[in-house]
């Protein structure tokens, strides 16, 4: 099962023997422990439930403690499911490390993008600006949103200002540049959504070229 949960550390660059500079994102993979294995016979579908990022016992509710204790796993902050086939070979209590990937693998990354709050239509939807000369009153407004007399309303779904960011984003077909099995680090070519310290899922590419 080529899927692992990581923490975004930041960006840096890697220089190869030919002097080519490659921008990379550093992802730290703490212990990924299998908490539960779901099967089609019992649960109706095949999946592996993974716990990630250590959490203090006093901050973990008792029912959740029992769920982790049953798998002989330490308490984790995140519980996520990954759909699998029935031949993954994983059992409750197993630990998944970055060695499931190799340098050159093509992966998809899933994370929550940075929240930008309420933004205007120019920043949110890349609208063009109005005249910048003196006297113009529409430097950064969206312009007419509907006809005046008929239908005299704004249609549903019209692009405008509003909340931006803070949504699930998947970036496809990124290349793994380096795998550090000693410290459990992954270097992924290019940018990854989300802030530093954010949760990032790295999984085998669905549409790899």
N, C-alpha and C. Protein backbone atom coordinates (compact mmCIF):
# COMPACT_ATOMS: atom_id res chain seq x y z
N UNK A 1 0.84 -1.19 0.00
CA UNK A 1 0.00 0.00 0.00
C UNK A 1 0.88 1.24 0.00
N UNK A 2 0.91 1.94 -1.13
CA UNK A 2 1.77 3.12 -1.25
C UNK A 2 0.98 4.36 -0.86
N UNK A 3 0.89 4.60 0.45
CA UNK A 3 0.24 5.80 0.96
C UNK A 3 0.77 6.06 2.36
N UNK A 4 1.07 7.33 2.65
CA UNK A 4 1.63 7.67 3.95
C UNK A 4 1.24 9.10 4.29
N UNK A 5 1.11 9.39 5.58
CA UNK A 5 0.77 10.73 6.04
C UNK A 5 2.02 11.41 6.58
N UNK A 6 2.19 12.68 6.23
CA UNK A 6 3.41 13.40 6.57
C UNK A 6 3.06 14.79 7.08
N UNK A 7 4.10 15.48 7.56
CA UNK A 7 3.98 16.87 7.99
C UNK A 7 4.84 17.74 7.09
N UNK A 8 4.28 18.83 6.59
CA UNK A 8 5.02 19.74 5.72
C UNK A 8 6.00 20.56 6.55
N UNK A 9 7.29 20.47 6.21
CA UNK A 9 8.33 21.20 6.92
C UNK A 9 8.64 22.53 6.23
N UNK A 10 8.70 22.53 4.93
CA UNK A 10 9.02 23.74 4.17
C UNK A 10 9.63 23.38 2.83
N UNK A 11 10.21 24.37 2.16
CA UNK A 11 10.80 24.15 0.85
C UNK A 11 12.30 24.43 0.88
N UNK A 12 13.02 23.74 0.01
CA UNK A 12 14.46 23.95 -0.17
C UNK A 12 14.78 23.57 -1.61
N UNK A 13 16.04 23.36 -1.90
CA UNK A 13 16.41 22.96 -3.25
C UNK A 13 17.51 21.91 -3.21
N UNK A 14 17.53 21.08 -4.24
CA UNK A 14 18.51 20.02 -4.37
C UNK A 14 19.31 20.26 -5.63
N UNK A 15 20.64 20.17 -5.53
CA UNK A 15 21.53 20.38 -6.67
C UNK A 15 22.18 19.04 -7.01
N UNK A 16 21.99 18.58 -8.25
CA UNK A 16 22.55 17.29 -8.64
C UNK A 16 23.98 17.45 -9.14
N UNK A 17 24.57 16.35 -9.61
CA UNK A 17 25.98 16.35 -10.02
C UNK A 17 26.22 17.25 -11.23
N UNK A 18 25.19 17.49 -12.05
CA UNK A 18 25.34 18.33 -13.23
C UNK A 18 25.08 19.80 -12.93
N UNK A 19 24.79 20.13 -11.68
CA UNK A 19 24.53 21.51 -11.31
C UNK A 19 23.10 21.96 -11.53
N UNK A 20 22.18 21.02 -11.82
CA UNK A 20 20.78 21.36 -12.03
C UNK A 20 20.10 21.54 -10.67
N UNK A 21 19.45 22.68 -10.49
CA UNK A 21 18.78 22.99 -9.23
C UNK A 21 17.31 22.58 -9.33
N UNK A 22 16.84 21.79 -8.35
CA UNK A 22 15.46 21.32 -8.32
C UNK A 22 14.78 21.81 -7.04
N UNK A 23 13.71 22.60 -7.14
CA UNK A 23 12.97 23.00 -5.93
C UNK A 23 12.19 21.82 -5.36
N UNK A 24 12.28 21.61 -4.06
CA UNK A 24 11.61 20.47 -3.43
C UNK A 24 10.91 20.92 -2.15
N UNK A 25 9.89 20.16 -1.78
CA UNK A 25 9.21 20.33 -0.51
C UNK A 25 9.62 19.21 0.42
N UNK A 26 9.99 19.56 1.66
CA UNK A 26 10.43 18.59 2.65
C UNK A 26 9.21 18.12 3.45
N UNK A 27 8.98 16.81 3.46
CA UNK A 27 7.87 16.21 4.19
C UNK A 27 8.41 15.23 5.22
N UNK A 28 8.07 15.45 6.49
CA UNK A 28 8.53 14.59 7.58
C UNK A 28 7.43 13.59 7.91
N UNK A 29 7.75 12.31 7.84
CA UNK A 29 6.78 11.25 8.10
C UNK A 29 7.04 10.66 9.48
N UNK A 30 6.28 11.11 10.48
CA UNK A 30 6.34 10.48 11.79
C UNK A 30 5.68 9.10 11.72
N UNK A 31 5.57 8.43 12.84
CA UNK A 31 5.06 7.06 12.86
C UNK A 31 3.63 6.99 12.30
N UNK A 32 3.48 6.22 11.23
CA UNK A 32 2.16 5.89 10.69
C UNK A 32 1.81 4.49 11.16
N UNK A 33 0.88 4.36 12.07
CA UNK A 33 0.55 3.06 12.64
C UNK A 33 -0.83 2.63 12.18
N UNK A 34 -0.95 1.35 11.85
CA UNK A 34 -2.23 0.79 11.43
C UNK A 34 -3.07 0.53 12.69
N UNK A 35 -4.20 1.21 12.78
CA UNK A 35 -5.06 1.09 13.96
C UNK A 35 -6.16 0.05 13.74
N UNK A 36 -6.65 -0.04 12.50
CA UNK A 36 -7.72 -0.97 12.21
C UNK A 36 -7.67 -1.37 10.74
N UNK A 37 -7.96 -2.61 10.47
CA UNK A 37 -8.07 -3.12 9.11
C UNK A 37 -9.53 -3.46 8.85
N UNK A 38 -10.14 -2.79 7.87
CA UNK A 38 -11.54 -3.01 7.56
C UNK A 38 -11.65 -3.92 6.34
N UNK A 39 -12.59 -4.83 6.39
CA UNK A 39 -12.78 -5.81 5.30
C UNK A 39 -14.19 -5.72 4.76
N UNK A 40 -14.35 -6.20 3.55
CA UNK A 40 -15.66 -6.15 2.89
C UNK A 40 -16.67 -7.04 3.60
N UNK A 41 -16.20 -8.14 4.18
CA UNK A 41 -17.13 -9.06 4.84
C UNK A 41 -17.75 -8.44 6.09
N UNK A 42 -16.95 -7.68 6.84
CA UNK A 42 -17.43 -7.12 8.11
C UNK A 42 -17.94 -5.69 7.94
N UNK A 43 -17.16 -4.86 7.24
CA UNK A 43 -17.47 -3.43 7.17
C UNK A 43 -18.09 -3.01 5.84
N UNK A 44 -18.09 -3.91 4.85
CA UNK A 44 -18.68 -3.56 3.58
C UNK A 44 -17.71 -3.01 2.56
N UNK A 45 -16.48 -2.76 2.96
CA UNK A 45 -15.45 -2.27 2.04
C UNK A 45 -14.08 -2.56 2.65
N UNK A 46 -13.05 -2.55 1.79
CA UNK A 46 -11.69 -2.81 2.23
C UNK A 46 -10.96 -1.49 2.45
N UNK A 47 -10.38 -1.32 3.62
CA UNK A 47 -9.66 -0.08 3.93
C UNK A 47 -8.72 -0.34 5.10
N UNK A 48 -7.75 0.56 5.25
CA UNK A 48 -6.82 0.53 6.37
C UNK A 48 -6.92 1.86 7.09
N UNK A 49 -7.16 1.80 8.39
CA UNK A 49 -7.25 3.02 9.20
C UNK A 49 -5.88 3.29 9.82
N UNK A 50 -5.37 4.50 9.58
CA UNK A 50 -4.01 4.86 9.99
C UNK A 50 -4.07 5.99 11.01
N UNK A 51 -3.28 5.86 12.08
CA UNK A 51 -3.13 6.91 13.06
C UNK A 51 -1.81 7.63 12.86
N UNK A 52 -1.85 8.98 13.00
CA UNK A 52 -0.65 9.78 12.74
C UNK A 52 -0.54 10.92 13.74
N UNK A 53 0.68 11.22 14.13
CA UNK A 53 1.07 12.32 15.02
C UNK A 53 0.66 12.03 16.47
N UNK A 54 1.67 11.87 17.32
CA UNK A 54 1.45 11.50 18.72
C UNK A 54 0.59 12.53 19.45
N UNK A 55 -0.19 12.01 20.39
CA UNK A 55 -1.09 12.84 21.18
C UNK A 55 -1.03 12.39 22.63
N UNK A 56 -1.10 13.34 23.57
CA UNK A 56 -1.01 13.00 24.99
C UNK A 56 -2.25 12.23 25.44
N UNK A 57 -2.04 11.34 26.41
CA UNK A 57 -3.14 10.52 26.90
C UNK A 57 -4.24 11.37 27.53
N UNK A 58 -3.85 12.44 28.25
CA UNK A 58 -4.84 13.26 28.93
C UNK A 58 -5.73 14.03 27.94
N UNK A 59 -5.26 14.19 26.71
CA UNK A 59 -6.04 14.88 25.70
C UNK A 59 -6.82 13.93 24.79
N UNK A 60 -6.78 12.63 25.11
CA UNK A 60 -7.48 11.62 24.30
C UNK A 60 -8.66 11.09 25.09
N UNK A 61 -9.83 11.10 24.48
CA UNK A 61 -11.03 10.63 25.16
C UNK A 61 -10.99 9.11 25.34
N UNK A 62 -11.66 8.63 26.38
CA UNK A 62 -11.57 7.22 26.76
C UNK A 62 -12.01 6.26 25.66
N UNK A 63 -13.10 6.50 24.94
CA UNK A 63 -13.46 5.56 23.88
C UNK A 63 -12.39 5.45 22.80
N UNK A 64 -11.74 6.58 22.48
CA UNK A 64 -10.68 6.56 21.47
C UNK A 64 -9.45 5.84 22.02
N UNK A 65 -9.19 5.99 23.34
CA UNK A 65 -8.06 5.26 23.94
C UNK A 65 -8.24 3.76 23.76
N UNK A 66 -9.45 3.27 23.98
CA UNK A 66 -9.71 1.85 23.81
C UNK A 66 -9.50 1.39 22.39
N UNK A 67 -9.82 2.27 21.43
CA UNK A 67 -9.63 1.93 20.03
C UNK A 67 -8.14 1.75 19.72
N UNK A 68 -7.30 2.62 20.27
CA UNK A 68 -5.86 2.50 20.07
C UNK A 68 -5.27 1.35 20.88
N UNK A 69 -5.76 1.16 22.11
CA UNK A 69 -5.25 0.08 22.96
C UNK A 69 -5.49 -1.29 22.32
N UNK A 70 -6.60 -1.42 21.63
CA UNK A 70 -6.92 -2.70 20.99
C UNK A 70 -5.88 -3.04 19.92
N UNK A 71 -5.30 -2.01 19.30
CA UNK A 71 -4.30 -2.23 18.26
C UNK A 71 -2.88 -2.17 18.82
N UNK A 72 -2.73 -2.00 20.15
CA UNK A 72 -1.41 -1.85 20.79
C UNK A 72 -0.63 -0.70 20.16
N UNK A 73 -1.34 0.41 19.91
CA UNK A 73 -0.73 1.58 19.28
C UNK A 73 -0.78 2.77 20.24
N UNK A 74 0.20 3.65 20.11
CA UNK A 74 0.19 4.88 20.90
C UNK A 74 -0.91 5.80 20.39
N UNK A 75 -1.34 6.73 21.26
CA UNK A 75 -2.45 7.60 20.90
C UNK A 75 -2.01 8.61 19.85
N UNK A 76 -2.88 8.81 18.86
CA UNK A 76 -2.56 9.68 17.73
C UNK A 76 -3.60 10.79 17.59
N UNK A 77 -3.13 11.88 16.98
CA UNK A 77 -4.00 13.04 16.78
C UNK A 77 -4.95 12.84 15.59
N UNK A 78 -4.45 12.22 14.53
CA UNK A 78 -5.24 12.05 13.32
C UNK A 78 -5.55 10.58 13.09
N UNK A 79 -6.78 10.32 12.64
CA UNK A 79 -7.20 8.99 12.20
C UNK A 79 -7.73 9.14 10.78
N UNK A 80 -7.08 8.46 9.85
CA UNK A 80 -7.49 8.56 8.45
C UNK A 80 -7.60 7.17 7.85
N UNK A 81 -8.52 7.03 6.89
CA UNK A 81 -8.70 5.76 6.21
C UNK A 81 -8.16 5.83 4.79
N UNK A 82 -7.57 4.74 4.34
CA UNK A 82 -7.07 4.61 2.98
C UNK A 82 -7.70 3.37 2.37
N UNK A 83 -8.42 3.54 1.26
CA UNK A 83 -9.03 2.40 0.59
C UNK A 83 -7.95 1.52 -0.02
N UNK A 84 -8.11 0.21 0.11
CA UNK A 84 -7.10 -0.73 -0.36
C UNK A 84 -7.77 -1.94 -0.99
N UNK A 85 -6.92 -2.80 -1.55
CA UNK A 85 -7.37 -4.13 -1.93
C UNK A 85 -7.25 -5.05 -0.72
N UNK A 86 -7.75 -6.25 -0.84
CA UNK A 86 -7.72 -7.16 0.31
C UNK A 86 -6.39 -7.89 0.45
N UNK A 87 -5.40 -7.59 -0.42
CA UNK A 87 -4.12 -8.29 -0.38
C UNK A 87 -2.98 -7.38 0.05
N UNK A 88 -3.26 -6.37 0.89
CA UNK A 88 -2.23 -5.41 1.30
C UNK A 88 -1.26 -6.01 2.31
N UNK A 89 -1.68 -7.03 3.06
CA UNK A 89 -0.78 -7.70 3.99
C UNK A 89 -0.52 -6.95 5.28
N UNK A 90 -1.34 -5.97 5.63
CA UNK A 90 -1.14 -5.18 6.84
C UNK A 90 -2.06 -5.68 7.94
N UNK A 91 -1.56 -5.55 9.18
CA UNK A 91 -2.34 -5.92 10.36
C UNK A 91 -2.32 -4.76 11.35
N UNK A 92 -3.27 -4.78 12.28
CA UNK A 92 -3.33 -3.74 13.30
C UNK A 92 -2.04 -3.74 14.12
N UNK A 93 -1.48 -2.56 14.31
CA UNK A 93 -0.22 -2.42 15.04
C UNK A 93 0.99 -2.27 14.15
N UNK A 94 0.86 -2.58 12.84
CA UNK A 94 1.99 -2.42 11.92
C UNK A 94 2.31 -0.94 11.71
N UNK A 95 3.58 -0.66 11.42
CA UNK A 95 4.04 0.71 11.21
C UNK A 95 4.44 0.87 9.75
N UNK A 96 3.98 1.95 9.12
CA UNK A 96 4.30 2.25 7.72
C UNK A 96 5.35 3.36 7.70
N UNK A 97 6.44 3.13 6.98
CA UNK A 97 7.52 4.11 6.88
C UNK A 97 7.66 4.61 5.45
N UNK A 98 8.58 5.54 5.25
CA UNK A 98 8.77 6.13 3.92
C UNK A 98 9.39 5.15 2.94
N UNK A 99 9.86 3.99 3.41
CA UNK A 99 10.49 3.05 2.49
C UNK A 99 9.48 2.38 1.55
N UNK A 100 8.18 2.71 1.69
CA UNK A 100 7.22 2.22 0.71
C UNK A 100 7.38 2.95 -0.62
N UNK A 101 8.13 4.08 -0.62
CA UNK A 101 8.39 4.83 -1.83
C UNK A 101 9.87 4.74 -2.20
N UNK A 102 10.16 4.99 -3.46
CA UNK A 102 11.52 5.03 -3.95
C UNK A 102 11.74 6.32 -4.74
N UNK A 103 13.01 6.68 -4.88
CA UNK A 103 13.33 7.87 -5.65
C UNK A 103 12.86 7.68 -7.10
N UNK A 104 12.21 8.70 -7.62
CA UNK A 104 11.68 8.63 -8.98
C UNK A 104 10.22 8.24 -9.06
N UNK A 105 9.62 7.80 -7.94
CA UNK A 105 8.20 7.47 -7.95
C UNK A 105 7.36 8.71 -8.22
N UNK A 106 6.26 8.54 -8.93
CA UNK A 106 5.32 9.63 -9.19
C UNK A 106 4.14 9.49 -8.23
N UNK A 107 3.83 10.58 -7.51
CA UNK A 107 2.84 10.51 -6.44
C UNK A 107 1.85 11.66 -6.57
N UNK A 108 0.72 11.51 -5.88
CA UNK A 108 -0.24 12.59 -5.67
C UNK A 108 -0.15 13.02 -4.21
N UNK A 109 -0.29 14.32 -3.96
CA UNK A 109 -0.29 14.82 -2.59
C UNK A 109 -1.64 15.49 -2.31
N UNK A 110 -2.16 15.25 -1.11
CA UNK A 110 -3.46 15.77 -0.70
C UNK A 110 -3.27 16.55 0.60
N UNK A 111 -3.75 17.79 0.62
CA UNK A 111 -3.61 18.63 1.81
C UNK A 111 -4.70 19.68 1.81
N UNK A 112 -4.82 20.41 2.92
CA UNK A 112 -5.75 21.53 3.03
C UNK A 112 -5.00 22.82 2.73
N UNK A 113 -5.50 23.58 1.76
CA UNK A 113 -4.81 24.80 1.34
C UNK A 113 -4.88 25.87 2.42
N UNK A 114 -4.01 26.86 2.31
CA UNK A 114 -4.00 27.97 3.25
C UNK A 114 -5.30 28.77 3.14
N UNK A 115 -5.85 29.13 4.28
CA UNK A 115 -7.05 29.95 4.29
C UNK A 115 -6.70 31.42 4.08
N UNK A 116 -7.35 32.07 3.12
CA UNK A 116 -7.09 33.47 2.81
C UNK A 116 -8.16 34.41 3.36
N UNK A 117 -9.23 33.85 3.95
CA UNK A 117 -10.31 34.70 4.42
C UNK A 117 -11.15 35.21 3.27
N UNK A 118 -11.85 36.31 3.49
CA UNK A 118 -12.68 36.91 2.45
C UNK A 118 -11.82 37.74 1.51
N UNK A 119 -11.91 37.45 0.22
CA UNK A 119 -11.11 38.16 -0.78
C UNK A 119 -12.01 38.67 -1.90
N UNK A 120 -11.52 39.65 -2.62
CA UNK A 120 -12.25 40.21 -3.74
C UNK A 120 -12.17 39.32 -4.97
N UNK A 121 -12.94 39.70 -5.99
CA UNK A 121 -13.04 38.86 -7.18
C UNK A 121 -11.74 38.85 -7.98
N UNK A 122 -10.93 39.92 -7.89
CA UNK A 122 -9.68 39.95 -8.65
C UNK A 122 -8.71 38.90 -8.12
N UNK A 123 -8.53 38.85 -6.82
CA UNK A 123 -7.61 37.87 -6.24
C UNK A 123 -8.20 36.46 -6.27
N UNK A 124 -9.50 36.36 -6.05
CA UNK A 124 -10.14 35.05 -5.92
C UNK A 124 -10.34 34.37 -7.26
N UNK A 125 -10.71 35.14 -8.30
CA UNK A 125 -11.04 34.55 -9.60
C UNK A 125 -10.20 35.12 -10.74
N UNK A 126 -9.18 35.92 -10.40
CA UNK A 126 -8.26 36.45 -11.41
C UNK A 126 -8.98 37.35 -12.43
N UNK A 127 -9.93 38.14 -11.95
CA UNK A 127 -10.60 39.11 -12.82
C UNK A 127 -9.61 40.21 -13.22
N UNK A 128 -9.87 40.85 -14.34
CA UNK A 128 -9.07 42.00 -14.76
C UNK A 128 -9.49 43.27 -14.02
N UNK A 129 -8.59 44.23 -13.96
CA UNK A 129 -8.89 45.49 -13.28
C UNK A 129 -9.57 46.47 -14.23
N UNK A 130 -10.21 47.47 -13.64
CA UNK A 130 -10.82 48.53 -14.43
C UNK A 130 -9.80 49.60 -14.77
N UNK A 131 -10.24 50.71 -15.36
CA UNK A 131 -9.32 51.80 -15.70
C UNK A 131 -8.60 52.33 -14.47
N UNK A 132 -7.31 52.60 -14.62
CA UNK A 132 -6.51 53.08 -13.49
C UNK A 132 -6.33 54.60 -13.50
N UNK A 133 -6.95 55.26 -14.46
CA UNK A 133 -6.77 56.70 -14.57
C UNK A 133 -7.57 57.45 -13.51
N UNK A 134 -7.24 58.72 -13.34
CA UNK A 134 -7.94 59.57 -12.36
C UNK A 134 -9.40 59.75 -12.74
N UNK A 135 -10.27 59.59 -11.77
CA UNK A 135 -11.69 59.74 -12.03
C UNK A 135 -12.42 58.43 -12.13
N UNK A 136 -11.72 57.34 -12.38
CA UNK A 136 -12.39 56.05 -12.46
C UNK A 136 -12.81 55.59 -11.07
N UNK A 137 -13.99 55.03 -10.99
CA UNK A 137 -14.50 54.53 -9.71
C UNK A 137 -14.59 53.01 -9.70
N UNK A 138 -13.91 52.36 -10.62
CA UNK A 138 -13.98 50.89 -10.71
C UNK A 138 -12.59 50.31 -10.93
N UNK A 139 -11.65 50.67 -10.04
CA UNK A 139 -10.29 50.15 -10.19
C UNK A 139 -10.24 48.63 -10.00
N UNK A 140 -10.89 48.15 -8.95
CA UNK A 140 -10.78 46.74 -8.61
C UNK A 140 -12.16 46.13 -8.30
N UNK A 141 -13.17 46.53 -9.02
CA UNK A 141 -14.49 45.94 -8.82
C UNK A 141 -14.78 44.95 -9.95
N UNK A 142 -15.76 44.09 -9.72
CA UNK A 142 -16.02 43.01 -10.67
C UNK A 142 -16.80 43.47 -11.89
N UNK A 143 -17.40 44.64 -11.87
CA UNK A 143 -18.21 45.08 -12.99
C UNK A 143 -19.65 44.61 -12.83
N UNK A 144 -20.41 44.69 -13.91
CA UNK A 144 -21.82 44.32 -13.86
C UNK A 144 -21.96 42.82 -13.58
N UNK A 145 -22.84 42.48 -12.64
CA UNK A 145 -23.04 41.08 -12.27
C UNK A 145 -24.29 40.49 -12.94
N UNK A 146 -25.17 41.35 -13.48
CA UNK A 146 -26.36 40.86 -14.18
C UNK A 146 -26.98 42.01 -14.96
N UNK A 147 -27.97 41.68 -15.79
CA UNK A 147 -28.70 42.71 -16.51
C UNK A 147 -29.59 43.50 -15.55
N UNK A 148 -29.87 44.75 -15.90
CA UNK A 148 -30.60 45.61 -14.97
C UNK A 148 -32.09 45.33 -14.92
N UNK A 149 -32.75 45.20 -16.08
CA UNK A 149 -34.20 45.07 -16.07
C UNK A 149 -34.67 43.62 -16.11
N UNK A 150 -34.03 42.83 -16.94
CA UNK A 150 -34.44 41.43 -17.06
C UNK A 150 -33.20 40.55 -17.13
N UNK A 151 -32.96 39.59 -16.22
CA UNK A 151 -33.90 39.09 -15.22
C UNK A 151 -33.86 39.84 -13.89
N UNK A 152 -33.06 40.92 -13.80
CA UNK A 152 -33.03 41.77 -12.60
C UNK A 152 -32.62 41.01 -11.34
N UNK A 153 -31.75 40.05 -11.51
CA UNK A 153 -31.20 39.33 -10.35
C UNK A 153 -29.87 38.72 -10.74
N UNK A 154 -29.11 38.32 -9.75
CA UNK A 154 -27.81 37.68 -9.97
C UNK A 154 -28.02 36.17 -9.97
N UNK A 155 -27.59 35.52 -11.05
CA UNK A 155 -27.78 34.08 -11.14
C UNK A 155 -26.92 33.35 -10.11
N UNK A 156 -27.44 32.24 -9.63
CA UNK A 156 -26.73 31.41 -8.65
C UNK A 156 -25.44 30.86 -9.27
N UNK A 157 -24.36 30.90 -8.52
CA UNK A 157 -23.08 30.40 -9.01
C UNK A 157 -22.21 31.46 -9.66
N UNK A 158 -22.69 32.70 -9.73
CA UNK A 158 -21.91 33.78 -10.31
C UNK A 158 -20.66 34.03 -9.48
N UNK A 159 -19.52 34.13 -10.15
CA UNK A 159 -18.25 34.32 -9.45
C UNK A 159 -18.17 35.74 -8.89
N UNK A 160 -17.72 35.83 -7.64
CA UNK A 160 -17.59 37.13 -6.99
C UNK A 160 -16.70 37.04 -5.79
N UNK A 161 -16.77 38.01 -4.93
CA UNK A 161 -15.96 38.00 -3.71
C UNK A 161 -16.50 36.98 -2.73
N UNK A 162 -15.65 36.51 -1.82
CA UNK A 162 -16.08 35.54 -0.82
C UNK A 162 -14.90 34.85 -0.18
N UNK A 163 -15.17 33.82 0.60
CA UNK A 163 -14.12 33.07 1.30
C UNK A 163 -13.22 32.35 0.31
N UNK A 164 -11.92 32.39 0.56
CA UNK A 164 -10.95 31.80 -0.37
C UNK A 164 -9.99 30.90 0.41
N UNK A 165 -9.68 29.74 -0.15
CA UNK A 165 -8.74 28.82 0.48
C UNK A 165 -9.40 27.94 1.52
N UNK A 166 -8.55 27.28 2.33
CA UNK A 166 -9.01 26.38 3.39
C UNK A 166 -9.91 25.28 2.84
N UNK A 167 -9.44 24.63 1.75
CA UNK A 167 -10.19 23.55 1.15
C UNK A 167 -9.23 22.43 0.75
N UNK A 168 -9.79 21.25 0.59
CA UNK A 168 -8.99 20.08 0.22
C UNK A 168 -8.47 20.23 -1.21
N UNK A 169 -7.15 20.09 -1.36
CA UNK A 169 -6.52 20.27 -2.66
C UNK A 169 -5.64 19.04 -2.94
N UNK A 170 -5.74 18.52 -4.17
CA UNK A 170 -4.90 17.41 -4.62
C UNK A 170 -4.03 17.88 -5.76
N UNK A 171 -2.72 17.71 -5.61
CA UNK A 171 -1.77 18.02 -6.67
C UNK A 171 -1.24 16.69 -7.21
N UNK A 172 -1.40 16.49 -8.52
CA UNK A 172 -1.10 15.20 -9.11
C UNK A 172 0.28 15.18 -9.77
N UNK A 173 0.83 13.98 -9.83
CA UNK A 173 2.04 13.67 -10.62
C UNK A 173 3.25 14.50 -10.20
N UNK A 174 3.55 14.48 -8.90
CA UNK A 174 4.81 15.04 -8.40
C UNK A 174 5.82 13.92 -8.26
N UNK A 175 7.08 14.24 -8.47
CA UNK A 175 8.14 13.23 -8.45
C UNK A 175 8.86 13.26 -7.10
N UNK A 176 9.11 12.09 -6.55
CA UNK A 176 9.91 11.99 -5.33
C UNK A 176 11.38 12.08 -5.71
N UNK A 177 12.06 13.10 -5.20
CA UNK A 177 13.46 13.34 -5.54
C UNK A 177 14.38 12.55 -4.62
N UNK A 178 14.03 12.44 -3.35
CA UNK A 178 14.90 11.76 -2.41
C UNK A 178 14.07 11.13 -1.29
N UNK A 179 14.53 9.97 -0.81
CA UNK A 179 13.90 9.27 0.31
C UNK A 179 14.94 9.06 1.39
N UNK A 180 14.69 9.61 2.57
CA UNK A 180 15.59 9.46 3.72
C UNK A 180 14.95 8.51 4.72
N UNK A 181 15.38 7.24 4.69
CA UNK A 181 14.77 6.23 5.56
C UNK A 181 15.26 6.33 7.00
N UNK A 182 16.41 6.97 7.23
CA UNK A 182 16.94 7.09 8.58
C UNK A 182 16.10 8.05 9.42
N UNK A 183 15.78 9.20 8.84
CA UNK A 183 15.01 10.21 9.58
C UNK A 183 13.57 10.32 9.10
N UNK A 184 13.16 9.42 8.20
CA UNK A 184 11.79 9.40 7.67
C UNK A 184 11.41 10.72 7.01
N UNK A 185 12.20 11.13 6.03
CA UNK A 185 11.91 12.34 5.26
C UNK A 185 11.66 11.98 3.80
N UNK A 186 10.78 12.75 3.16
CA UNK A 186 10.57 12.68 1.72
C UNK A 186 10.83 14.05 1.12
N UNK A 187 11.55 14.10 0.01
CA UNK A 187 11.72 15.34 -0.75
C UNK A 187 10.93 15.19 -2.04
N UNK A 188 9.91 16.03 -2.19
CA UNK A 188 9.01 15.96 -3.34
C UNK A 188 9.24 17.18 -4.22
N UNK A 189 9.39 16.95 -5.51
CA UNK A 189 9.65 18.03 -6.45
C UNK A 189 8.45 18.98 -6.53
N UNK A 190 8.72 20.28 -6.42
CA UNK A 190 7.67 21.28 -6.57
C UNK A 190 7.02 21.66 -5.25
N UNK A 191 5.93 22.40 -5.36
CA UNK A 191 5.21 22.93 -4.20
C UNK A 191 4.09 21.99 -3.78
N UNK A 192 3.78 22.03 -2.49
CA UNK A 192 2.73 21.21 -1.89
C UNK A 192 1.75 22.15 -1.20
N UNK A 193 0.45 21.93 -1.31
CA UNK A 193 -0.52 22.83 -0.68
C UNK A 193 -0.40 22.83 0.83
N UNK A 194 -0.89 23.92 1.44
CA UNK A 194 -0.98 24.00 2.89
C UNK A 194 0.16 24.75 3.54
N UNK A 195 0.00 25.09 4.83
CA UNK A 195 1.03 25.81 5.56
C UNK A 195 2.09 24.87 6.12
N UNK A 196 3.16 25.44 6.64
CA UNK A 196 4.16 24.64 7.33
C UNK A 196 3.52 24.00 8.57
N UNK A 197 3.82 22.73 8.78
CA UNK A 197 3.21 22.01 9.89
C UNK A 197 1.88 21.37 9.55
N UNK A 198 1.43 21.54 8.31
CA UNK A 198 0.14 20.97 7.91
C UNK A 198 0.24 19.49 7.58
N UNK A 199 -0.90 18.82 7.65
CA UNK A 199 -0.98 17.39 7.34
C UNK A 199 -1.04 17.20 5.84
N UNK A 200 -0.17 16.31 5.31
CA UNK A 200 -0.10 16.05 3.88
C UNK A 200 -0.11 14.54 3.66
N UNK A 201 -1.02 14.08 2.82
CA UNK A 201 -1.04 12.66 2.44
C UNK A 201 -0.29 12.50 1.12
N UNK A 202 0.63 11.55 1.10
CA UNK A 202 1.37 11.22 -0.12
C UNK A 202 0.94 9.81 -0.53
N UNK A 203 0.47 9.68 -1.77
CA UNK A 203 -0.02 8.38 -2.22
C UNK A 203 0.38 8.15 -3.68
N UNK A 204 0.32 6.91 -4.09
CA UNK A 204 0.67 6.54 -5.46
C UNK A 204 -0.21 7.30 -6.44
N UNK A 205 0.39 7.81 -7.50
CA UNK A 205 -0.35 8.60 -8.47
C UNK A 205 -1.44 7.79 -9.15
N UNK A 206 -2.60 8.41 -9.30
CA UNK A 206 -3.73 7.74 -9.95
C UNK A 206 -3.62 7.83 -11.47
N UNK A 207 -3.12 8.97 -11.96
CA UNK A 207 -3.06 9.21 -13.40
C UNK A 207 -1.62 9.44 -13.85
N UNK A 208 -0.69 8.69 -13.32
CA UNK A 208 0.72 8.90 -13.66
C UNK A 208 0.95 8.68 -15.14
N UNK A 209 1.81 9.51 -15.72
CA UNK A 209 2.09 9.45 -17.15
C UNK A 209 3.06 8.32 -17.45
